[in-house]
Amino acid sequence: MDDIKSRFLIVDDDKNIRRLCMTVGSSLGLIVTEAESTESALNQIELHSPDIILADLMMPQMTGLEFLEQVKKLLPHTEVAIMTGHGSIETAVRAMRMGAYDFITKPFRIEELKLLLTRMEEKVKLVAENQFLRERVTTDTNLNGVTGSSPKIQDVLRMVARLKDTRTPVLITGESGTGKELVARAIHYRGTLAKRPFVAVDCGSLVPTLIESELFGYEKGAFTGALRGKEGLFQAANGGTIFLDEIGELPLEMQAKLLRVLQEKEVRPVGSNERVKIDVRVIAATNRDLEQAYKDGTFRKDLFFRLNVVSIHTPPLRERKSDIPSLVQWFLEKSAPQRVVHVSTQAMKLMLDYDWPGNVRELENCVERAVALGADSVLDVADLTPAIRAGQPGVPQIALATANTTSSDLEELERETIQRVFDQVGGDKTAAGKILGISRATLYRKLKRYNITQAKAMTATA
């Protein structure tokens, strides 16, 4: 983390104090900005997200403590110190209780200020390092979902090893639930950019009218409700990796703007005439056939070739069934860390025979459900979902019904299932997607396709 400079904002209505603090901050290698008022500072912090803030206690529009409270709501991990010429133990204690890092009394010595800023920067970097380590552990842990001994998954892992230290654009293809985001995270966290930002964007869940402002940011007053400027997701990923999941769901107009950003390596926030340089590695993912999509005119051909420099295909679980036993064991240990749970021979046979349309995500949900509902140390047939149990002897009527079901019947069954789950969770899309075993992007498409709305769900549960 040492090669990444911390951003320091000094907030004081006294120009001389600001100049002094900026000089000291620059001498320590910090990226320094200033604000002469709390209003100006609040506009800056949403746009530039400083790591360290030094604010005066007594300012015209709001006190330093009121400003501290606002900062902690917007940027809880930013370290804030309060300075004043009217110091008191009571004020210092109150500031610390509100989340201030420290309290410094004016006039202060330059060495005292240097020591304070150095300690604040050390804490910022320590927190960032801990966050990185947690992300790294989570990624290494979750990557078990895309590990295995089958040839197809070994090909994926070999590609991850080759690409982790490059900045080459990557397109990850595969069905929902096959672990595309896990592969993207593995490329990032196992390579040279590991300590830089990793920003995941679900293109399928972005509100169409707000996509541009979400990706590229916006200036104050750019649209109704834009009371302050805000940096976009591309700026947040600067120096690291941006993962564009379900890239095929972006509208054509947005595809053209994204192509321009990738070509020119700069973004223009909504409402601004200035362009901001960015340096990001782009990893995109889709469960659609983008080659066919550009032939059909629903995806830009030039954007496809810009993204598809290197492609990785994550295989569906039905094509790597030899990995199921090891995956089941991993998910058992993850879901029941304090218990030793085994799988009966018959239950494992059914899982090996099942085609897993929801792929690894469905398998994980199945194991998690079985562990939650079962009390025994053995996961048996009765603990599996009805869809998996349908393949066992003794329930021919289910198999027969499935064999005689038409595609329109299946669509109606799917619509009813999604509607029922959506009703049960009161329109909570995250909860509905988890229960159904599908991504948010897939759920959005299904809701749109079947005209299922939150209003209907709320009415149904009222």
Protein backbone atom coordinates (compact mmCIF):
# COMPACT_ATOMS: atom_id res chain seq x y z
CA MET A 1 0.00 0.00 0.00
CA ASP A 2 3.03 2.32 0.32
CA ASP A 3 2.95 3.39 -3.35
CA ILE A 4 -0.57 4.84 -3.01
CA LYS A 5 -0.59 8.41 -1.68
CA SER A 6 -3.16 9.41 0.93
CA ARG A 7 -5.46 12.37 0.24
CA PHE A 8 -5.48 15.16 2.84
CA LEU A 9 -8.14 17.92 3.10
CA ILE A 10 -7.62 20.96 5.33
CA VAL A 11 -10.82 22.86 6.30
CA ASP A 12 -10.35 26.28 7.89
CA ASP A 13 -11.56 29.82 7.16
CA ASP A 14 -8.09 31.14 8.03
CA LYS A 15 -6.02 31.28 4.82
CA ASN A 16 -2.69 31.29 6.69
CA ILE A 17 -3.55 28.13 8.63
CA ARG A 18 -4.59 26.41 5.38
CA ARG A 19 -1.32 27.39 3.70
CA LEU A 20 0.74 26.09 6.63
CA CYS A 21 -1.13 22.77 6.78
CA MET A 22 -0.88 22.31 3.00
CA THR A 23 2.88 22.89 3.11
CA VAL A 24 3.32 20.37 5.92
CA GLY A 25 1.03 17.84 4.22
CA SER A 26 2.89 18.15 0.90
CA SER A 27 6.23 17.65 2.68
CA LEU A 28 4.88 14.31 3.96
CA GLY A 29 3.96 13.18 0.44
CA LEU A 30 0.20 13.64 0.85
CA ILE A 31 -2.13 14.75 -1.94
CA VAL A 32 -3.37 18.02 -0.44
CA THR A 33 -6.57 20.02 -1.08
CA GLU A 34 -8.14 22.90 0.87
CA ALA A 35 -11.60 24.25 1.69
CA GLU A 36 -12.36 27.61 3.29
CA SER A 37 -15.82 26.54 4.49
CA THR A 38 -17.67 23.42 5.58
CA GLU A 39 -20.02 23.76 2.59
CA SER A 40 -17.10 23.70 0.18
CA ALA A 41 -15.55 20.79 2.09
CA LEU A 42 -18.74 18.70 1.93
CA ASN A 43 -18.89 19.25 -1.83
CA GLN A 44 -15.29 18.07 -2.14
CA ILE A 45 -15.41 14.98 0.04
CA GLU A 46 -18.14 13.23 -1.97
CA LEU A 47 -16.28 13.94 -5.18
CA HIS A 48 -12.71 13.16 -4.05
CA SER A 49 -13.08 11.02 -0.88
CA PRO A 50 -10.13 12.28 1.22
CA ASP A 51 -8.43 9.82 3.56
CA ILE A 52 -7.48 12.44 6.17
CA ILE A 53 -9.30 15.64 7.17
CA LEU A 54 -8.13 18.36 9.53
CA ALA A 55 -11.00 20.76 10.37
CA ASP A 56 -11.26 23.87 12.51
CA LEU A 57 -13.73 23.72 15.40
CA MET A 58 -15.16 27.23 14.97
CA MET A 59 -16.42 27.99 11.45
CA PRO A 60 -19.28 30.24 10.25
CA GLN A 61 -21.77 27.75 8.74
CA MET A 62 -21.37 24.82 11.14
CA THR A 63 -19.03 23.85 13.95
CA GLY A 64 -16.22 21.37 13.49
CA LEU A 65 -18.17 18.81 15.52
CA GLU A 66 -21.25 19.20 13.30
CA PHE A 67 -18.97 18.88 10.27
CA LEU A 68 -17.37 15.77 11.82
CA GLU A 69 -20.82 14.20 12.21
CA GLN A 70 -21.62 14.84 8.52
CA VAL A 71 -18.27 13.43 7.35
CA LYS A 72 -18.69 10.22 9.36
CA LYS A 73 -22.09 9.65 7.75
CA LEU A 74 -20.68 10.10 4.26
CA LEU A 75 -17.21 8.58 4.68
CA PRO A 76 -17.10 6.42 7.83
CA HIS A 77 -13.51 5.26 7.19
CA THR A 78 -12.05 8.76 6.72
CA GLU A 79 -9.93 9.93 9.67
CA VAL A 80 -10.84 13.40 10.99
CA ALA A 81 -8.93 15.53 13.47
CA ILE A 82 -10.31 18.74 15.01
CA MET A 83 -8.19 21.83 15.68
CA THR A 84 -9.11 24.88 17.72
CA GLY A 85 -7.71 27.85 19.56
CA HIS A 86 -10.31 27.32 22.28
CA GLY A 87 -9.41 23.84 23.49
CA SER A 88 -11.02 22.16 26.42
CA ILE A 89 -11.01 18.62 27.79
CA GLU A 90 -14.81 18.49 27.47
CA THR A 91 -14.75 19.39 23.76
CA ALA A 92 -11.89 16.96 23.09
CA VAL A 93 -13.75 14.09 24.77
CA ARG A 94 -16.92 14.88 22.83
CA ALA A 95 -15.01 14.97 19.53
CA MET A 96 -13.38 11.61 20.24
CA ARG A 97 -16.73 10.06 21.15
CA MET A 98 -18.13 11.27 17.83
CA GLY A 99 -15.38 9.49 15.95
CA ALA A 100 -12.59 12.07 15.70
CA TYR A 101 -9.09 10.62 15.45
CA ASP A 102 -7.54 13.31 17.64
CA PHE A 103 -7.72 16.92 18.80
CA ILE A 104 -4.99 19.56 18.28
CA THR A 105 -4.86 23.04 19.86
CA LYS A 106 -3.80 26.18 17.97
CA PRO A 107 -1.20 27.53 17.86
CA PHE A 108 0.62 24.25 17.24
CA ARG A 109 4.22 23.45 16.37
CA ILE A 110 5.02 22.15 12.89
CA GLU A 111 6.55 18.98 14.35
CA GLU A 112 3.34 18.40 16.33
CA LEU A 113 1.26 18.69 13.13
CA LYS A 114 3.64 16.40 11.24
CA LEU A 115 3.36 13.76 13.95
CA LEU A 116 -0.46 13.98 13.91
CA LEU A 117 -0.73 13.66 10.12
CA THR A 118 1.81 10.81 10.07
CA ARG A 119 -0.13 8.86 12.70
CA MET A 120 -3.41 9.47 10.86
CA GLU A 121 -1.92 8.28 7.57
CA GLU A 122 -0.51 5.17 9.24
CA LYS A 123 -3.98 4.29 10.54
CA VAL A 124 -5.57 4.90 7.12
CA LYS A 125 -3.04 2.57 5.48
CA LEU A 126 -3.44 -0.05 8.21
CA VAL A 127 -7.23 -0.08 7.74
CA ALA A 128 -6.77 -0.29 3.96
CA GLU A 129 -4.29 -3.14 4.36
CA ASN A 130 -6.70 -5.03 6.63
CA GLN A 131 -9.51 -4.50 4.12
CA PHE A 132 -7.27 -5.82 1.35
CA LEU A 133 -6.34 -8.89 3.41
CA ARG A 134 -10.01 -9.58 4.17
CA GLU A 135 -10.86 -9.28 0.47
CA ARG A 136 -7.92 -11.53 -0.39
CA VAL A 137 -8.96 -14.18 2.12
CA THR A 138 -12.59 -13.97 0.97
CA THR A 139 -11.53 -14.32 -2.65
CA ASP A 140 -9.19 -17.22 -1.98
CA THR A 141 -11.89 -18.87 0.12
CA ASN A 142 -14.73 -18.31 -2.33
CA LEU A 143 -12.57 -19.40 -5.26
CA ASN A 144 -13.24 -22.93 -4.08
CA GLY A 145 -16.46 -22.53 -6.11
CA VAL A 146 -14.41 -22.50 -9.30
CA THR A 147 -11.73 -24.99 -8.36
CA GLY A 148 -11.72 -28.66 -9.21
CA SER A 149 -9.87 -31.36 -11.06
CA SER A 150 -12.05 -31.42 -14.19
CA PRO A 151 -10.19 -30.37 -17.37
CA LYS A 152 -12.53 -27.43 -18.12
CA ILE A 153 -12.13 -25.78 -14.73
CA GLN A 154 -8.38 -26.38 -14.84
CA ASP A 155 -8.32 -24.43 -18.12
CA VAL A 156 -10.02 -21.53 -16.33
CA LEU A 157 -7.49 -21.57 -13.51
CA ARG A 158 -4.58 -21.65 -15.97
CA MET A 159 -6.02 -18.55 -17.68
CA VAL A 160 -6.33 -16.79 -14.30
CA ALA A 161 -2.65 -17.50 -13.61
CA ARG A 162 -1.65 -16.06 -17.01
CA LEU A 163 -3.78 -12.92 -16.79
CA LYS A 164 -3.34 -11.91 -13.14
CA ASP A 165 -0.29 -9.71 -13.81
CA THR A 166 -1.50 -8.11 -17.06
CA ARG A 167 -3.77 -5.13 -17.79
CA THR A 168 -5.35 -6.87 -20.78
CA PRO A 169 -9.15 -6.51 -21.08
CA VAL A 170 -10.88 -9.82 -20.30
CA LEU A 171 -14.35 -11.06 -21.24
CA ILE A 172 -15.72 -13.83 -19.03
CA THR A 173 -18.60 -15.80 -20.49
CA GLY A 174 -20.80 -18.44 -18.94
CA GLU A 175 -24.23 -19.21 -17.56
CA SER A 176 -25.57 -17.57 -14.40
CA GLY A 177 -24.13 -19.10 -11.25
CA THR A 178 -20.93 -20.45 -12.80
CA GLY A 179 -18.64 -18.13 -10.82
CA LYS A 180 -17.79 -15.38 -13.32
CA GLU A 181 -17.29 -12.75 -10.61
CA LEU A 182 -15.13 -15.14 -8.59
CA VAL A 183 -12.87 -15.56 -11.63
CA ALA A 184 -12.67 -11.75 -12.04
CA ARG A 185 -11.77 -11.34 -8.36
CA ALA A 186 -9.13 -14.06 -8.65
CA ILE A 187 -7.49 -12.27 -11.59
CA HIS A 188 -7.41 -9.04 -9.56
CA TYR A 189 -6.48 -10.24 -6.06
CA ARG A 190 -3.87 -12.78 -7.15
CA GLY A 191 -1.97 -10.31 -9.32
CA THR A 192 0.04 -7.09 -9.22
CA LEU A 193 -3.08 -4.90 -8.86
CA ALA A 194 -4.23 -6.75 -5.73
CA LYS A 195 -3.78 -3.76 -3.41
CA ARG A 196 -5.61 -1.41 -5.78
CA PRO A 197 -9.42 -0.99 -5.89
CA PHE A 198 -11.70 -3.71 -7.27
CA VAL A 199 -15.12 -2.29 -8.17
CA ALA A 200 -17.90 -4.67 -9.25
CA VAL A 201 -20.76 -3.21 -11.29
CA ASP A 202 -23.95 -5.18 -12.03
CA CYS A 203 -24.95 -3.57 -15.33
CA GLY A 204 -28.26 -5.44 -15.32
CA SER A 205 -29.43 -3.83 -12.09
CA LEU A 206 -28.49 -0.22 -12.90
CA VAL A 207 -31.47 2.09 -13.37
CA PRO A 208 -31.36 3.04 -17.10
CA THR A 209 -31.77 6.78 -16.48
CA LEU A 210 -28.94 6.81 -13.93
CA ILE A 211 -26.38 4.51 -15.59
CA GLU A 212 -24.20 7.33 -16.90
CA SER A 213 -24.06 9.20 -13.59
CA GLU A 214 -23.34 5.96 -11.69
CA LEU A 215 -20.47 4.96 -13.99
CA PHE A 216 -18.93 8.36 -14.73
CA GLY A 217 -20.04 10.53 -11.78
CA TYR A 218 -21.81 13.88 -11.80
CA GLU A 219 -21.36 17.52 -10.84
CA LYS A 220 -23.45 19.45 -8.34
CA GLY A 221 -26.71 20.56 -10.01
CA ALA A 222 -26.29 18.17 -12.97
CA PHE A 223 -29.87 16.99 -12.43
CA THR A 224 -32.71 17.34 -9.93
CA GLY A 225 -31.54 16.07 -6.56
CA ALA A 226 -27.80 16.41 -7.32
CA LEU A 227 -27.09 18.59 -4.29
CA ARG A 228 -23.42 17.62 -4.33
CA GLY A 229 -21.05 16.23 -6.91
CA LYS A 230 -20.03 12.58 -6.76
CA GLU A 231 -17.32 10.53 -8.42
CA GLY A 232 -18.41 7.61 -10.58
CA LEU A 233 -17.54 3.94 -10.34
CA PHE A 234 -14.80 4.26 -12.97
CA GLN A 235 -13.09 6.95 -10.87
CA ALA A 236 -13.52 4.80 -7.75
CA ALA A 237 -11.69 1.97 -9.58
CA ASN A 238 -8.86 4.22 -10.78
CA GLY A 239 -5.53 2.41 -10.59
CA GLY A 240 -7.27 -0.95 -10.17
CA THR A 241 -9.93 -3.11 -11.81
CA ILE A 242 -13.55 -2.45 -12.76
CA PHE A 243 -15.70 -5.56 -13.24
CA LEU A 244 -18.67 -4.98 -15.53
CA ASP A 245 -21.02 -7.88 -14.86
CA GLU A 246 -23.83 -8.63 -17.35
CA ILE A 247 -22.29 -6.18 -19.84
CA GLY A 248 -24.80 -7.33 -22.47
CA GLU A 249 -27.59 -5.56 -20.58
CA LEU A 250 -26.22 -2.06 -21.22
CA PRO A 251 -28.40 0.04 -23.59
CA LEU A 252 -26.84 0.82 -27.01
CA GLU A 253 -26.47 4.51 -26.18
CA MET A 254 -24.51 3.64 -23.05
CA GLN A 255 -22.39 1.13 -24.98
CA ALA A 256 -21.19 3.98 -27.25
CA LYS A 257 -20.19 6.10 -24.23
CA LEU A 258 -18.44 3.16 -22.59
CA LEU A 259 -16.48 2.51 -25.81
CA ARG A 260 -15.33 6.14 -25.84
CA VAL A 261 -14.15 5.84 -22.22
CA LEU A 262 -12.18 2.68 -23.00
CA GLN A 263 -10.57 4.25 -26.06
CA GLU A 264 -9.73 7.65 -24.56
CA LYS A 265 -9.06 6.46 -20.99
CA GLU A 266 -10.99 9.36 -19.52
CA VAL A 267 -14.50 10.07 -18.25
CA ARG A 268 -16.64 13.17 -18.28
CA PRO A 269 -18.95 13.45 -15.24
CA VAL A 270 -22.57 14.34 -16.03
CA GLY A 271 -22.97 18.11 -15.99
CA SER A 272 -19.25 18.80 -16.38
CA ASN A 273 -17.23 20.10 -19.31
CA GLU A 274 -14.00 18.69 -17.90
CA ARG A 275 -12.66 15.21 -18.55
CA VAL A 276 -11.02 13.12 -15.83
CA LYS A 277 -8.16 10.79 -16.74
CA ILE A 278 -8.54 7.20 -15.52
CA ASP A 279 -6.32 4.14 -15.54
CA VAL A 280 -8.34 0.97 -14.98
CA ARG A 281 -8.23 -2.64 -16.09
CA VAL A 282 -11.59 -3.73 -17.45
CA ILE A 283 -13.00 -7.20 -16.90
CA ALA A 284 -16.47 -7.78 -18.34
CA ALA A 285 -18.80 -10.76 -17.96
CA THR A 286 -21.96 -11.94 -19.66
CA ASN A 287 -24.27 -14.95 -19.84
CA ARG A 288 -25.36 -13.88 -23.33
CA ASP A 289 -23.84 -14.71 -26.72
CA LEU A 290 -22.40 -11.27 -27.50
CA GLU A 291 -21.15 -12.37 -30.91
CA GLN A 292 -24.71 -13.19 -31.90
CA ALA A 293 -25.93 -10.03 -30.17
CA TYR A 294 -23.75 -7.74 -32.31
CA LYS A 295 -24.90 -9.61 -35.42
CA ASP A 296 -28.48 -8.97 -34.31
CA GLY A 297 -27.71 -5.29 -33.72
CA THR A 298 -28.30 -5.33 -29.94
CA PHE A 299 -24.62 -5.00 -29.01
CA ARG A 300 -21.96 -2.82 -30.61
CA LYS A 301 -19.46 -4.78 -32.66
CA ASP A 302 -16.60 -2.37 -31.92
CA LEU A 303 -17.26 -2.60 -28.16
CA PHE A 304 -17.36 -6.41 -28.38
CA PHE A 305 -13.88 -6.54 -29.93
CA ARG A 306 -12.58 -3.92 -27.49
CA LEU A 307 -13.68 -6.08 -24.53
CA ASN A 308 -12.99 -9.50 -26.05
CA VAL A 309 -9.19 -9.25 -26.19
CA VAL A 310 -8.94 -12.40 -24.07
CA SER A 311 -11.95 -14.53 -23.19
CA ILE A 312 -12.51 -17.07 -20.42
CA HIS A 313 -15.48 -19.43 -20.45
CA THR A 314 -16.73 -20.66 -17.07
CA PRO A 315 -18.23 -24.12 -17.68
CA PRO A 316 -21.69 -25.07 -16.38
CA LEU A 317 -21.73 -27.51 -13.48
CA ARG A 318 -23.34 -30.23 -15.64
CA GLU A 319 -20.12 -30.29 -17.69
CA ARG A 320 -17.89 -30.73 -14.64
CA LYS A 321 -19.86 -33.16 -12.48
CA SER A 322 -16.69 -34.83 -11.27
CA ASP A 323 -16.12 -31.70 -9.16
CA ILE A 324 -19.48 -31.99 -7.35
CA PRO A 325 -18.27 -34.16 -4.41
CA SER A 326 -15.41 -31.77 -3.56
CA LEU A 327 -17.68 -28.73 -3.99
CA VAL A 328 -20.32 -30.29 -1.72
CA GLN A 329 -17.69 -30.99 0.94
CA TRP A 330 -16.43 -27.39 0.74
CA PHE A 331 -19.95 -25.94 1.05
CA LEU A 332 -20.69 -28.26 3.98
CA GLU A 333 -17.62 -27.00 5.83
CA LYS A 334 -18.56 -23.42 5.01
CA SER A 335 -22.23 -23.79 6.09
CA ALA A 336 -21.59 -25.91 9.19
CA PRO A 337 -18.08 -25.06 10.46
CA GLN A 338 -18.84 -26.46 13.92
CA ARG A 339 -20.40 -29.72 12.71
CA VAL A 340 -19.13 -32.79 10.87
CA VAL A 341 -21.72 -33.51 8.17
CA HIS A 342 -21.48 -36.32 5.65
CA VAL A 343 -23.56 -37.00 2.54
CA SER A 344 -25.32 -40.33 2.07
CA THR A 345 -24.49 -42.39 -1.01
CA GLN A 346 -28.03 -42.04 -2.41
CA ALA A 347 -28.11 -38.27 -1.87
CA MET A 348 -24.74 -37.88 -3.62
CA LYS A 349 -25.97 -40.05 -6.51
CA LEU A 350 -28.99 -37.79 -6.99
CA MET A 351 -26.78 -34.70 -6.93
CA LEU A 352 -24.47 -36.26 -9.53
CA ASP A 353 -27.47 -37.16 -11.74
CA TYR A 354 -29.04 -33.68 -11.50
CA ASP A 355 -28.24 -31.14 -14.24
CA TRP A 356 -27.97 -28.06 -11.95
CA PRO A 357 -29.50 -25.32 -14.15
CA GLY A 358 -28.47 -22.77 -11.49
CA ASN A 359 -24.91 -24.17 -11.53
CA VAL A 360 -22.52 -23.76 -8.57
CA ARG A 361 -24.72 -21.10 -6.98
CA GLU A 362 -27.66 -23.53 -6.94
CA LEU A 363 -25.45 -26.26 -5.47
CA GLU A 364 -24.29 -23.95 -2.68
CA ASN A 365 -27.89 -22.91 -1.92
CA CYS A 366 -28.93 -26.58 -1.89
CA VAL A 367 -26.23 -27.52 0.62
CA GLU A 368 -26.90 -24.43 2.77
CA ARG A 369 -30.64 -25.26 2.83
CA ALA A 370 -29.97 -28.90 3.75
CA VAL A 371 -27.66 -27.92 6.60
CA ALA A 372 -30.14 -25.33 7.90
CA LEU A 373 -33.13 -27.68 7.85
CA GLY A 374 -31.41 -30.93 8.79
CA ALA A 375 -30.42 -31.82 12.34
CA ASP A 376 -28.51 -35.03 11.64
CA SER A 377 -24.85 -35.52 10.88
CA VAL A 378 -25.77 -37.14 7.57
CA LEU A 379 -27.24 -35.19 4.66
CA ASP A 380 -29.78 -37.58 3.11
CA VAL A 381 -32.25 -37.63 0.21
CA ALA A 382 -35.01 -36.04 2.31
CA ASP A 383 -32.79 -32.98 2.88
CA LEU A 384 -32.48 -32.24 -0.84
CA THR A 385 -34.73 -29.89 -2.79
CA PRO A 386 -37.81 -31.35 -4.58
CA ALA A 387 -36.24 -30.72 -7.98
CA ILE A 388 -33.25 -32.94 -7.13
CA ARG A 389 -35.38 -35.59 -5.41
CA ALA A 390 -37.54 -35.80 -8.55
CA GLY A 391 -34.88 -38.00 -10.13
CA GLN A 392 -35.10 -40.75 -7.51
CA PRO A 393 -37.17 -43.96 -7.88
CA GLY A 394 -40.62 -43.89 -6.34
CA VAL A 395 -41.81 -40.55 -7.74
CA PRO A 396 -42.46 -41.39 -11.42
CA GLN A 397 -45.36 -38.93 -11.57
CA ILE A 398 -42.95 -36.00 -11.20
CA ALA A 399 -40.66 -37.31 -13.91
CA LEU A 400 -43.65 -37.99 -16.16
CA ALA A 401 -45.03 -34.50 -15.59
CA THR A 402 -41.65 -33.03 -16.46
CA ALA A 403 -41.36 -35.11 -19.61
CA ASN A 404 -44.80 -34.01 -20.86
CA THR A 405 -44.37 -30.34 -19.99
CA THR A 406 -44.26 -27.92 -22.92
CA SER A 407 -42.04 -24.86 -23.05
CA SER A 408 -45.05 -22.59 -22.46
CA ASP A 409 -45.97 -24.65 -19.40
CA LEU A 410 -42.42 -24.29 -18.09
CA GLU A 411 -42.54 -20.52 -18.61
CA GLU A 412 -45.81 -20.30 -16.72
CA LEU A 413 -44.36 -22.43 -13.93
CA GLU A 414 -41.31 -20.16 -13.81
CA ARG A 415 -43.50 -17.05 -13.74
CA GLU A 416 -45.63 -18.44 -10.90
CA THR A 417 -42.53 -19.48 -8.92
CA ILE A 418 -40.89 -16.06 -9.22
CA GLN A 419 -44.16 -14.30 -8.38
CA ARG A 420 -44.66 -16.47 -5.30
CA VAL A 421 -41.12 -15.90 -4.02
CA PHE A 422 -41.35 -12.18 -4.79
CA ASP A 423 -44.60 -12.02 -2.80
CA GLN A 424 -43.05 -13.88 0.14
CA VAL A 425 -40.14 -11.44 0.46
CA GLY A 426 -42.29 -8.35 -0.08
CA GLY A 427 -40.52 -7.26 -3.24
CA ASP A 428 -36.97 -7.58 -1.88
CA LYS A 429 -35.00 -8.36 -5.04
CA THR A 430 -31.82 -9.41 -3.23
CA ALA A 431 -33.70 -11.90 -1.04
CA ALA A 432 -35.75 -13.17 -4.00
CA GLY A 433 -32.62 -13.74 -6.10
CA LYS A 434 -30.94 -15.66 -3.27
CA ILE A 435 -33.96 -17.92 -2.72
CA LEU A 436 -34.32 -18.56 -6.45
CA GLY A 437 -30.59 -19.13 -6.87
CA ILE A 438 -30.20 -16.54 -9.64
CA SER A 439 -28.25 -13.30 -9.96
CA ARG A 440 -29.87 -9.89 -9.54
CA ALA A 441 -29.38 -9.22 -13.24
CA THR A 442 -31.18 -12.42 -14.21
CA LEU A 443 -33.97 -11.66 -11.74
CA TYR A 444 -34.44 -8.17 -13.23
CA ARG A 445 -34.77 -9.65 -16.71
CA LYS A 446 -37.30 -12.24 -15.52
CA LEU A 447 -39.34 -9.61 -13.66
CA LYS A 448 -39.44 -7.48 -16.79
CA ARG A 449 -40.25 -10.43 -19.04
CA TYR A 450 -43.17 -11.63 -16.92
CA ASN A 451 -44.28 -8.13 -15.93
CA ILE A 452 -43.88 -8.87 -12.23
CA THR A 453 -43.73 -5.65 -10.23
CA GLN A 454 -43.07 -4.79 -6.61
CA ALA A 455 -46.51 -3.20 -6.45
CA LYS A 456 -48.11 -6.52 -7.29
CA ALA A 457 -46.00 -8.25 -4.70
CA MET A 458 -46.84 -5.75 -1.99
CA THR A 459 -50.55 -5.95 -2.87
CA ALA A 460 -50.43 -9.70 -2.70
CA THR A 461 -48.89 -9.66 0.76
CA ALA A 462 -51.09 -6.86 2.12
